[in-house]
Amino acid sequence: MKTLTSLVFCVCFAFVQAQQLDLELFASGLNRPVNIKHAGDDRLFVAEQDGLIKIINSDGTVESTPFLNIDPRVRSVGNEQGLLGLAFHPDYDTNGHFFVNYINLSGDTVVSRFTRDTSNPSIADSNSELIILTFSQPFSNHNGGELQFGPDGYLYISSGDGGSGGDPQDNGQDLGNLLGKLIRIDVNNSTSTNPYVIPSDNPFVGIAGNRGEIWAYGLRNPWKFSFDRMNSDLWIGDVGQSAREEVNNVPSTTAGVNYGWRCYEGNNTFNTTGCPSSSTLTFPVFEYAHGTGRCSITGGYVYRGSDYPNFDGLYFFADVCSQEVGYIEFDGANWNSTFEDFSGALAAFGEDINGELYIASLGGNISKLVDTTLNADEYGLEGISIYPNPAKDELIIDFSATNTSSLEILIYDMQGKKVTSIAKNTNTIWKINTSDYAKGIYLMKINSENGEQLTHKLIVN
């Protein structure tokens, strides 16, 4: 596999210099979409700020009936309140649980669990709400609101510093409350009497005066964060005050990180009264200054899809004010950035089941990030859907969108050993048992009868 691995990385490196980013309209007609997630299949679920969740099918059509409607429970006054976060439980396929983060009618944060309707998988039971966690918001802005399940199976929640300007209550540095934090809790066995458990390895468990739910702190308004599906790294786009926007990146296992707000805004001092030594803080891997219309970062994802090899390993983000999409790449010493101009207030990124990236504008459009240096002829097998990825016990390959009848499927581990070799028959849906695979990264090659080839990165958990 050494040769194969070297070839893959060399090809990706050669392509990186040639990419050209564009946004391809995928769906439209939504109302202030602010969160995009998948539920382990080929649909996208989009949270609208007023309190609705809509389903977008794989062909870009939007289901007329909302998946969930909690509009009467949601306060969405101003630009930063509303239904803000959505995350599906890793075992959603069997338990039907998903989680939302919204501002209630009192102006406070609520994280709740809902359950899929037992008779219709395209509708949630709006009466199934189990409130997991609530905390007060002293002002109407800086609510954070992102939800993500981490690679450890725990639910991570981002919270802003409570609002106003300059963090007047110094919440970011106060370990006695949940504002300006990244929160980590166990919701795998939630009940009304015990809605969540604090993991015992959270860094501040058992320390008097500290909230045990805190995983990291010193954040201003972490509007969006994500985990790299390949190596589990944590990425946070933290909205700045008046001068700097920042991107933070640490391994997902690094606990107790202090990202520095309100002591620092990016790498610049802001208000260091009572602050710890800068040597104890974790500074951003990338920051950019306000100017040329830039003022508010929308954190995104590291691209790990297979449609656009040029994008592999790039971290994508946006600025809602300048209407730019940016990406950064590491050259071995520095993070280099590129910005591309688009239109619309770009408020949220999302991954589909295969790791392809989408972006939502507050005007109601959902667009796919595409590399215009590639054309359809080069990737004739793109109609094949492969999910879930990461896989656990079973991998599904859907050929229904292709017209190729004869295919060979090969799966290699990262040492180059062939672990699976099968020839597709007339079935349009194939299921591969991965329960005996060792955890890790694999390469899948699909060869067609006319010489086309698709290489797909597969992760087994």
Protein backbone atom coordinates (compact mmCIF):
# COMPACT_ATOMS: atom_id res chain seq x y z
CA MET A 1 0.00 0.00 0.00
CA LYS A 2 2.96 2.31 0.37
CA THR A 3 2.94 2.93 -3.36
CA LEU A 4 -0.84 3.40 -3.49
CA THR A 5 -0.85 5.77 -0.52
CA SER A 6 1.96 7.82 -1.99
CA LEU A 7 0.12 8.03 -5.29
CA VAL A 8 -3.08 9.26 -3.68
CA PHE A 9 -1.34 11.97 -1.69
CA CYS A 10 0.80 13.09 -4.61
CA VAL A 11 -2.25 13.40 -6.85
CA CYS A 12 -4.09 15.44 -4.24
CA PHE A 13 -1.08 17.71 -3.78
CA ALA A 14 -0.77 18.27 -7.51
CA PHE A 15 -4.45 19.12 -7.85
CA VAL A 16 -4.54 21.58 -4.94
CA GLN A 17 -2.96 24.32 -6.99
CA ALA A 18 -5.57 24.04 -9.77
CA GLN A 19 -8.86 24.19 -7.90
CA GLN A 20 -11.50 26.77 -8.69
CA LEU A 21 -14.31 27.13 -6.18
CA ASP A 22 -17.90 27.75 -7.20
CA LEU A 23 -21.34 27.44 -5.59
CA GLU A 24 -23.89 25.33 -7.46
CA LEU A 25 -27.52 25.96 -6.49
CA PHE A 26 -28.97 22.80 -4.95
CA ALA A 27 -32.26 23.92 -3.36
CA SER A 28 -34.15 27.17 -2.85
CA GLY A 29 -37.24 28.62 -1.23
CA LEU A 30 -36.21 28.19 2.40
CA ASN A 31 -36.65 30.86 5.06
CA ARG A 32 -33.46 31.96 6.87
CA PRO A 33 -31.72 28.55 6.93
CA VAL A 34 -29.06 28.45 9.65
CA ASN A 35 -28.10 24.78 10.05
CA ILE A 36 -27.61 21.83 7.68
CA LYS A 37 -27.20 18.20 8.78
CA HIS A 38 -27.77 14.69 7.42
CA ALA A 39 -29.36 11.82 9.32
CA GLY A 40 -27.31 8.94 7.95
CA ASP A 41 -28.96 8.87 4.53
CA ASP A 42 -28.85 10.93 1.34
CA ARG A 43 -31.23 13.69 2.52
CA LEU A 44 -30.32 17.04 4.04
CA PHE A 45 -32.17 18.46 7.03
CA VAL A 46 -32.19 22.25 7.24
CA ALA A 47 -33.08 24.24 10.35
CA GLU A 48 -34.82 27.55 9.69
CA GLN A 49 -34.35 30.32 12.24
CA ASP A 50 -38.06 30.76 12.96
CA GLY A 51 -38.32 27.19 14.29
CA LEU A 52 -38.89 24.81 11.37
CA ILE A 53 -36.76 21.95 10.06
CA LYS A 54 -37.18 21.13 6.36
CA ILE A 55 -36.06 18.04 4.43
CA ILE A 56 -34.22 18.40 1.13
CA ASN A 57 -34.21 15.23 -0.95
CA SER A 58 -31.16 14.06 -2.90
CA ASP A 59 -32.54 15.66 -6.08
CA GLY A 60 -32.81 19.10 -4.40
CA THR A 61 -36.58 19.07 -3.93
CA VAL A 62 -37.86 20.36 -0.59
CA GLU A 63 -40.55 18.39 1.22
CA SER A 64 -43.67 20.50 1.59
CA THR A 65 -44.38 19.25 5.11
CA PRO A 66 -41.77 20.35 7.68
CA PHE A 67 -39.92 17.61 9.51
CA LEU A 68 -40.43 19.62 12.72
CA ASN A 69 -42.30 22.82 13.52
CA ILE A 70 -41.66 24.41 16.92
CA ASP A 71 -42.22 27.99 15.80
CA PRO A 72 -44.57 28.77 18.75
CA ARG A 73 -41.80 27.87 21.22
CA VAL A 74 -39.01 29.84 19.54
CA ARG A 75 -38.09 33.49 19.95
CA SER A 76 -36.38 34.73 16.80
CA VAL A 77 -36.32 38.49 17.34
CA GLY A 78 -33.24 40.12 15.84
CA ASN A 79 -30.51 38.38 13.88
CA GLU A 80 -29.05 36.01 16.47
CA GLN A 81 -31.99 34.36 18.20
CA GLY A 82 -34.18 31.51 16.95
CA LEU A 83 -33.70 27.82 16.18
CA LEU A 84 -29.92 27.69 15.85
CA GLY A 85 -28.64 24.11 16.07
CA LEU A 86 -29.50 20.58 14.96
CA ALA A 87 -27.76 17.24 15.49
CA PHE A 88 -28.87 13.67 14.89
CA HIS A 89 -27.95 10.99 17.40
CA PRO A 90 -25.31 8.58 16.04
CA ASP A 91 -27.90 5.80 16.44
CA TYR A 92 -30.71 7.84 14.91
CA ASP A 93 -31.58 5.03 12.51
CA THR A 94 -32.64 2.84 15.45
CA ASN A 95 -33.66 5.29 18.22
CA GLY A 96 -35.04 8.18 16.14
CA HIS A 97 -33.53 10.80 18.45
CA PHE A 98 -32.30 14.21 17.34
CA PHE A 99 -31.39 17.36 19.24
CA VAL A 100 -32.06 21.05 18.71
CA ASN A 101 -30.73 24.27 20.22
CA TYR A 102 -33.10 27.24 20.31
CA ILE A 103 -33.90 30.45 22.14
CA ASN A 104 -37.19 30.15 24.02
CA LEU A 105 -39.85 32.80 24.52
CA SER A 106 -38.01 34.04 27.63
CA GLY A 107 -34.87 34.68 25.58
CA ASP A 108 -32.88 31.79 27.08
CA THR A 109 -31.05 28.84 25.52
CA VAL A 110 -32.80 25.46 25.39
CA VAL A 111 -31.23 22.22 24.20
CA SER A 112 -33.90 19.59 23.65
CA ARG A 113 -34.30 16.08 22.31
CA PHE A 114 -37.09 15.15 19.90
CA THR A 115 -38.02 11.79 18.43
CA ARG A 116 -38.92 10.76 14.91
CA ASP A 117 -42.56 9.82 14.30
CA THR A 118 -42.96 6.05 14.59
CA SER A 119 -45.16 5.76 11.52
CA ASN A 120 -43.60 8.35 9.19
CA PRO A 121 -39.79 8.76 9.09
CA SER A 122 -40.17 12.11 7.30
CA ILE A 123 -41.92 13.72 10.26
CA ALA A 124 -40.86 14.26 13.87
CA ASP A 125 -43.18 14.04 16.84
CA SER A 126 -43.44 17.65 17.99
CA ASN A 127 -44.91 16.45 21.31
CA SER A 128 -41.86 14.32 22.10
CA GLU A 129 -39.69 17.17 23.39
CA LEU A 130 -37.41 16.28 26.29
CA ILE A 131 -35.58 19.35 27.56
CA ILE A 132 -31.94 18.43 28.14
CA LEU A 133 -30.33 21.68 29.25
CA THR A 134 -31.28 25.33 29.69
CA PHE A 135 -29.27 28.39 30.65
CA SER A 136 -30.01 32.09 30.82
CA GLN A 137 -28.93 34.61 28.20
CA PRO A 138 -28.32 38.09 29.68
CA PHE A 139 -28.52 39.77 26.23
CA SER A 140 -30.10 38.90 22.89
CA ASN A 141 -26.91 38.36 20.90
CA HIS A 142 -23.94 35.94 20.98
CA ASN A 143 -25.93 32.76 21.51
CA GLY A 144 -23.61 30.36 19.67
CA GLY A 145 -26.02 27.50 19.18
CA GLU A 146 -24.20 24.80 17.19
CA LEU A 147 -24.67 21.13 18.08
CA GLN A 148 -22.39 18.28 16.99
CA PHE A 149 -21.90 14.73 18.16
CA GLY A 150 -18.20 14.16 18.62
CA PRO A 151 -16.24 11.06 17.66
CA ASP A 152 -16.59 9.95 21.29
CA GLY A 153 -20.39 9.82 21.00
CA TYR A 154 -20.97 12.80 23.31
CA LEU A 155 -23.00 15.89 22.43
CA TYR A 156 -21.01 19.13 22.07
CA ILE A 157 -22.77 22.50 22.37
CA SER A 158 -21.35 25.92 21.58
CA SER A 159 -22.43 28.93 23.61
CA GLY A 160 -21.63 32.60 23.12
CA ASP A 161 -20.42 34.91 25.87
CA GLY A 162 -23.90 36.22 26.68
CA GLY A 163 -23.88 39.18 24.35
CA SER A 164 -23.72 42.93 24.46
CA GLY A 165 -20.19 43.98 23.42
CA GLY A 166 -16.78 43.28 24.87
CA ASP A 167 -18.13 40.56 27.22
CA PRO A 168 -19.01 43.00 30.03
CA GLN A 169 -19.63 40.16 32.51
CA ASP A 170 -16.36 38.38 31.59
CA ASN A 171 -18.31 35.18 30.99
CA GLY A 172 -15.75 33.77 28.58
CA GLN A 173 -13.19 33.38 31.39
CA ASP A 174 -15.68 32.43 34.12
CA LEU A 175 -15.72 28.67 34.68
CA GLY A 176 -18.75 29.05 36.94
CA ASN A 177 -21.23 29.47 34.05
CA LEU A 178 -21.86 27.99 30.59
CA LEU A 179 -21.51 31.19 28.53
CA GLY A 180 -18.58 31.54 26.14
CA LYS A 181 -17.94 27.80 26.30
CA LEU A 182 -17.86 24.54 24.42
CA ILE A 183 -20.04 22.16 26.43
CA ARG A 184 -19.72 18.34 26.38
CA ILE A 185 -22.42 16.06 27.80
CA ASP A 186 -23.61 12.46 27.55
CA VAL A 187 -27.20 12.23 26.27
CA ASN A 188 -27.23 8.55 25.36
CA ASN A 189 -29.65 7.53 28.10
CA SER A 190 -31.61 10.72 28.70
CA THR A 191 -34.73 10.64 30.84
CA SER A 192 -36.95 13.37 32.26
CA THR A 193 -35.35 12.90 35.69
CA ASN A 194 -31.79 12.52 34.39
CA PRO A 195 -31.59 14.40 31.06
CA TYR A 196 -27.81 14.18 30.73
CA VAL A 197 -24.67 12.91 32.42
CA ILE A 198 -21.41 14.84 32.71
CA PRO A 199 -18.57 12.68 31.34
CA SER A 200 -16.11 11.87 34.09
CA ASP A 201 -13.15 12.95 31.94
CA ASN A 202 -14.45 16.48 31.38
CA PRO A 203 -11.60 18.74 32.55
CA PHE A 204 -13.39 20.67 35.31
CA VAL A 205 -15.40 17.86 36.91
CA GLY A 206 -15.24 17.97 40.70
CA ILE A 207 -13.56 21.37 40.92
CA ALA A 208 -15.46 23.62 43.33
CA GLY A 209 -17.17 26.55 41.64
CA ASN A 210 -16.64 25.18 38.12
CA ARG A 211 -19.29 23.77 35.82
CA GLY A 212 -18.40 20.19 34.99
CA GLU A 213 -20.13 20.39 31.62
CA ILE A 214 -17.40 22.68 30.25
CA TRP A 215 -14.98 21.14 27.74
CA ALA A 216 -13.32 24.39 26.57
CA TYR A 217 -13.72 28.11 27.28
CA GLY A 218 -12.63 31.62 26.34
CA LEU A 219 -14.95 31.87 23.32
CA ARG A 220 -16.84 34.94 22.16
CA ASN A 221 -19.48 33.66 19.74
CA PRO A 222 -18.65 30.23 18.31
CA TRP A 223 -21.49 30.34 15.78
CA LYS A 224 -20.33 27.12 14.08
CA PHE A 225 -17.89 24.33 14.84
CA SER A 226 -17.26 20.89 13.39
CA PHE A 227 -15.21 17.71 13.63
CA ASP A 228 -13.01 16.50 10.79
CA ARG A 229 -14.54 13.16 9.78
CA MET A 230 -11.10 11.74 8.88
CA ASN A 231 -8.97 12.54 11.96
CA SER A 232 -11.62 13.90 14.40
CA ASP A 233 -9.91 17.29 14.80
CA LEU A 234 -12.10 20.04 16.25
CA TRP A 235 -12.53 23.25 14.23
CA ILE A 236 -14.21 26.38 15.61
CA GLY A 237 -15.06 29.58 13.79
CA ASP A 238 -15.28 32.20 16.55
CA VAL A 239 -16.85 35.56 15.66
CA GLY A 240 -14.71 38.52 16.69
CA GLN A 241 -15.52 41.86 18.29
CA SER A 242 -14.56 44.75 16.05
CA ALA A 243 -11.21 43.87 14.49
CA ARG A 244 -10.42 40.16 14.05
CA GLU A 245 -12.17 36.90 13.06
CA GLU A 246 -10.57 33.62 14.06
CA VAL A 247 -10.39 29.89 13.32
CA ASN A 248 -9.35 27.53 16.11
CA ASN A 249 -8.15 23.96 15.60
CA VAL A 250 -7.12 21.34 18.16
CA PRO A 251 -7.32 17.55 18.40
CA SER A 252 -10.75 16.49 19.63
CA THR A 253 -9.18 14.84 22.68
CA THR A 254 -7.56 18.07 23.91
CA ALA A 255 -9.55 19.14 26.97
CA GLY A 256 -9.67 22.32 29.03
CA VAL A 257 -8.49 24.67 26.28
CA ASN A 258 -8.74 28.40 27.00
CA TYR A 259 -9.16 30.20 23.66
CA GLY A 260 -8.47 33.57 25.25
CA TRP A 261 -11.57 35.77 24.93
CA ARG A 262 -12.01 38.49 26.33
CA CYS A 263 -8.31 38.78 27.04
CA TYR A 264 -7.52 38.51 23.34
CA GLU A 265 -9.42 39.06 20.12
CA GLY A 266 -7.63 36.72 17.77
CA ASN A 267 -3.92 37.29 18.44
CA ASN A 268 -4.45 40.89 19.58
CA THR A 269 -4.90 41.98 23.18
CA PHE A 270 -8.43 43.16 24.00
CA ASN A 271 -8.89 43.41 27.78
CA THR A 272 -6.21 41.65 29.81
CA THR A 273 -7.43 42.76 33.24
CA GLY A 274 -7.27 39.74 35.53
CA CYS A 275 -6.25 37.45 32.66
CA PRO A 276 -3.98 34.40 32.93
CA SER A 277 -0.56 34.28 31.29
CA SER A 278 -0.72 34.18 27.51
CA SER A 279 1.38 31.01 27.67
CA THR A 280 -1.68 29.17 29.03
CA LEU A 281 -3.93 30.23 26.15
CA THR A 282 -4.54 28.57 22.80
CA PHE A 283 -4.41 31.07 19.95
CA PRO A 284 -6.10 30.65 16.57
CA VAL A 285 -4.40 28.81 13.72
CA PHE A 286 -5.80 31.46 11.38
CA GLU A 287 -7.26 34.93 11.76
CA TYR A 288 -8.23 37.73 9.43
CA ALA A 289 -8.86 41.43 9.89
CA HIS A 290 -12.05 43.35 9.34
CA GLY A 291 -12.05 45.49 6.25
CA THR A 292 -13.20 45.10 2.62
CA GLY A 293 -16.61 44.32 4.11
CA ARG A 294 -15.50 41.44 6.35
CA CYS A 295 -16.94 41.36 9.85
CA SER A 296 -18.34 37.95 10.94
CA ILE A 297 -17.02 34.45 10.33
CA THR A 298 -19.20 31.43 9.60
CA GLY A 299 -17.22 28.35 10.60
CA GLY A 300 -17.36 25.37 8.27
CA TYR A 301 -15.81 21.96 7.65
CA VAL A 302 -12.71 20.24 6.39
CA TYR A 303 -13.60 18.73 3.03
CA ARG A 304 -13.44 14.92 3.07
CA GLY A 305 -15.73 14.09 0.17
CA SER A 306 -14.74 12.22 -2.99
CA ASP A 307 -16.29 14.34 -5.78
CA TYR A 308 -13.53 16.98 -5.73
CA PRO A 309 -10.06 15.59 -4.87
CA ASN A 310 -8.59 19.09 -5.16
CA PHE A 311 -10.51 20.14 -2.05
CA ASP A 312 -9.32 17.29 0.16
CA GLY A 313 -8.02 18.58 3.52
CA LEU A 314 -9.04 22.20 2.98
CA TYR A 315 -10.99 23.92 5.76
CA PHE A 316 -13.83 25.98 4.30
CA PHE A 317 -15.48 28.96 6.04
CA ALA A 318 -17.35 32.11 5.04
CA ASP A 319 -17.88 35.70 6.07
CA VAL A 320 -21.55 36.61 6.34
CA CYS A 321 -20.87 40.33 5.81
CA SER A 322 -18.53 40.26 2.82
CA GLN A 323 -20.37 37.32 1.23
CA GLU A 324 -17.10 35.50 0.66
CA VAL A 325 -16.23 31.82 0.98
CA GLY A 326 -12.70 31.20 2.18
CA TYR A 327 -10.51 28.18 2.67
CA ILE A 328 -7.20 27.57 4.35
CA GLU A 329 -4.52 24.97 3.69
CA PHE A 330 -1.34 24.14 5.58
CA ASP A 331 1.96 24.27 3.68
CA GLY A 332 3.97 22.63 6.46
CA ALA A 333 4.75 25.91 8.20
CA ASN A 334 1.82 28.31 7.70
CA TRP A 335 -1.88 28.34 7.01
CA ASN A 336 -2.49 30.00 3.65
CA SER A 337 -5.89 31.50 2.87
CA THR A 338 -7.94 32.10 -0.26
CA PHE A 339 -11.19 34.10 -0.45
CA GLU A 340 -13.76 33.92 -3.27
CA ASP A 341 -16.60 36.44 -3.78
CA PHE A 342 -20.19 35.21 -3.94
CA SER A 343 -23.57 36.69 -3.04
CA GLY A 344 -25.94 36.30 -0.13
CA ALA A 345 -25.45 36.24 3.63
CA LEU A 346 -23.66 32.89 3.95
CA ALA A 347 -24.72 31.62 7.37
CA ALA A 348 -24.10 27.87 7.62
CA PHE A 349 -22.19 24.96 6.11
CA GLY A 350 -23.23 21.33 6.12
CA GLU A 351 -21.92 17.91 5.12
CA ASP A 352 -23.95 15.24 3.35
CA ILE A 353 -23.53 11.54 4.05
CA ASN A 354 -20.60 11.33 1.63
CA GLY A 355 -18.73 14.36 2.95
CA GLU A 356 -19.73 16.76 0.18
CA LEU A 357 -20.16 20.33 1.44
CA TYR A 358 -23.15 22.68 1.17
CA ILE A 359 -23.70 26.26 2.27
CA ALA A 360 -26.88 28.13 3.22
CA SER A 361 -27.62 31.78 2.59
CA LEU A 362 -30.13 33.60 4.77
CA GLY A 363 -32.00 34.46 1.58
CA GLY A 364 -33.12 30.83 1.34
CA ASN A 365 -30.71 29.10 -1.05
CA ILE A 366 -28.72 25.94 -0.36
CA SER A 367 -25.69 25.56 -2.65
CA LYS A 368 -23.11 22.83 -3.12
CA LEU A 369 -19.41 23.68 -3.09
CA VAL A 370 -17.97 22.51 -6.41
CA ASP A 371 -14.62 22.52 -8.14
CA THR A 372 -15.11 23.90 -11.64
CA THR A 373 -11.81 22.47 -12.87
CA LEU A 374 -13.49 19.05 -12.93
CA ASN A 375 -16.20 18.14 -15.42
CA ALA A 376 -18.82 15.43 -15.52
CA ASP A 377 -16.90 13.33 -18.06
CA GLU A 378 -13.99 12.95 -15.67
CA TYR A 379 -16.25 11.62 -12.94
CA GLY A 380 -18.85 9.51 -14.72
CA LEU A 381 -19.48 7.32 -11.67
CA GLU A 382 -20.50 10.22 -9.38
CA GLY A 383 -24.12 9.01 -9.38
CA ILE A 384 -23.13 6.20 -7.02
CA SER A 385 -24.12 6.89 -3.40
CA ILE A 386 -22.00 5.37 -0.62
CA TYR A 387 -23.22 5.59 2.97
CA PRO A 388 -22.94 5.73 5.93
CA ASN A 389 -19.42 7.08 6.02
CA PRO A 390 -18.02 6.65 8.65
CA ALA A 391 -19.45 3.10 8.61
CA LYS A 392 -19.97 0.95 11.63
CA ASP A 393 -21.37 -2.49 10.81
CA GLU A 394 -22.61 -2.07 7.28
CA LEU A 395 -21.80 -0.05 4.17
CA ILE A 396 -24.49 0.63 1.56
CA ILE A 397 -23.67 1.30 -2.10
CA ASP A 398 -26.54 2.62 -4.20
CA PHE A 399 -26.14 2.28 -7.98
CA SER A 400 -29.70 3.31 -8.89
CA ALA A 401 -28.61 6.69 -10.29
CA THR A 402 -26.13 5.15 -12.75
CA ASN A 403 -26.66 3.25 -15.98
CA THR A 404 -23.59 1.05 -15.55
CA SER A 405 -24.44 -2.63 -15.27
CA SER A 406 -20.96 -4.15 -14.73
CA LEU A 407 -18.76 -2.89 -11.91
CA GLU A 408 -15.88 -4.19 -9.83
CA ILE A 409 -15.59 -3.05 -6.21
CA LEU A 410 -12.23 -3.21 -4.43
CA ILE A 411 -11.49 -2.11 -0.85
CA TYR A 412 -7.91 -1.73 0.44
CA ASP A 413 -6.62 -1.01 3.91
CA MET A 414 -3.93 1.65 4.36
CA GLN A 415 -1.17 -0.98 4.15
CA GLY A 416 -2.30 -1.88 0.64
CA LYS A 417 -3.96 -5.18 1.53
CA LYS A 418 -7.09 -5.95 -0.44
CA VAL A 419 -9.83 -6.68 2.10
CA THR A 420 -12.84 -6.87 -0.25
CA SER A 421 -13.22 -7.72 -3.93
CA ILE A 422 -16.68 -8.17 -5.44
CA ALA A 423 -18.35 -7.88 -8.81
CA LYS A 424 -21.70 -6.09 -8.90
CA ASN A 425 -24.65 -8.06 -10.19
CA THR A 426 -28.03 -6.71 -11.30
CA ASN A 427 -28.92 -5.40 -7.84
CA THR A 428 -29.04 -1.60 -7.54
CA ILE A 429 -28.42 -1.61 -3.76
CA TRP A 430 -25.39 -3.40 -2.35
CA LYS A 431 -24.69 -3.97 1.33
CA ILE A 432 -21.18 -4.77 2.55
CA ASN A 433 -20.66 -6.13 6.07
CA THR A 434 -17.94 -4.04 7.74
CA SER A 435 -18.36 -5.40 11.27
CA ASP A 436 -15.16 -7.46 10.92
CA TYR A 437 -13.10 -4.55 9.59
CA ALA A 438 -10.56 -2.99 11.93
CA LYS A 439 -11.29 0.63 12.77
CA GLY A 440 -9.51 3.02 10.45
CA ILE A 441 -9.29 4.46 6.95
CA TYR A 442 -9.76 2.40 3.78
CA LEU A 443 -9.71 3.16 0.07
CA MET A 444 -12.55 1.91 -2.10
CA LYS A 445 -12.09 1.65 -5.86
CA ILE A 446 -15.05 1.13 -8.18
CA ASN A 447 -14.13 0.20 -11.76
CA SER A 448 -16.66 0.26 -14.58
CA GLU A 449 -16.77 -1.81 -17.74
CA ASN A 450 -15.75 1.17 -19.89
CA GLY A 451 -12.67 2.09 -17.86
CA GLU A 452 -14.15 4.75 -15.57
CA GLN A 453 -12.89 4.62 -12.00
CA LEU A 454 -14.10 6.13 -8.74
CA THR A 455 -11.81 6.23 -5.70
CA HIS A 456 -13.62 6.80 -2.41
CA LYS A 457 -12.21 7.25 1.08
CA LEU A 458 -13.99 5.03 3.62
CA ILE A 459 -13.81 5.34 7.40
CA VAL A 460 -14.82 2.46 9.66
CA ASN A 461 -15.60 3.21 13.31
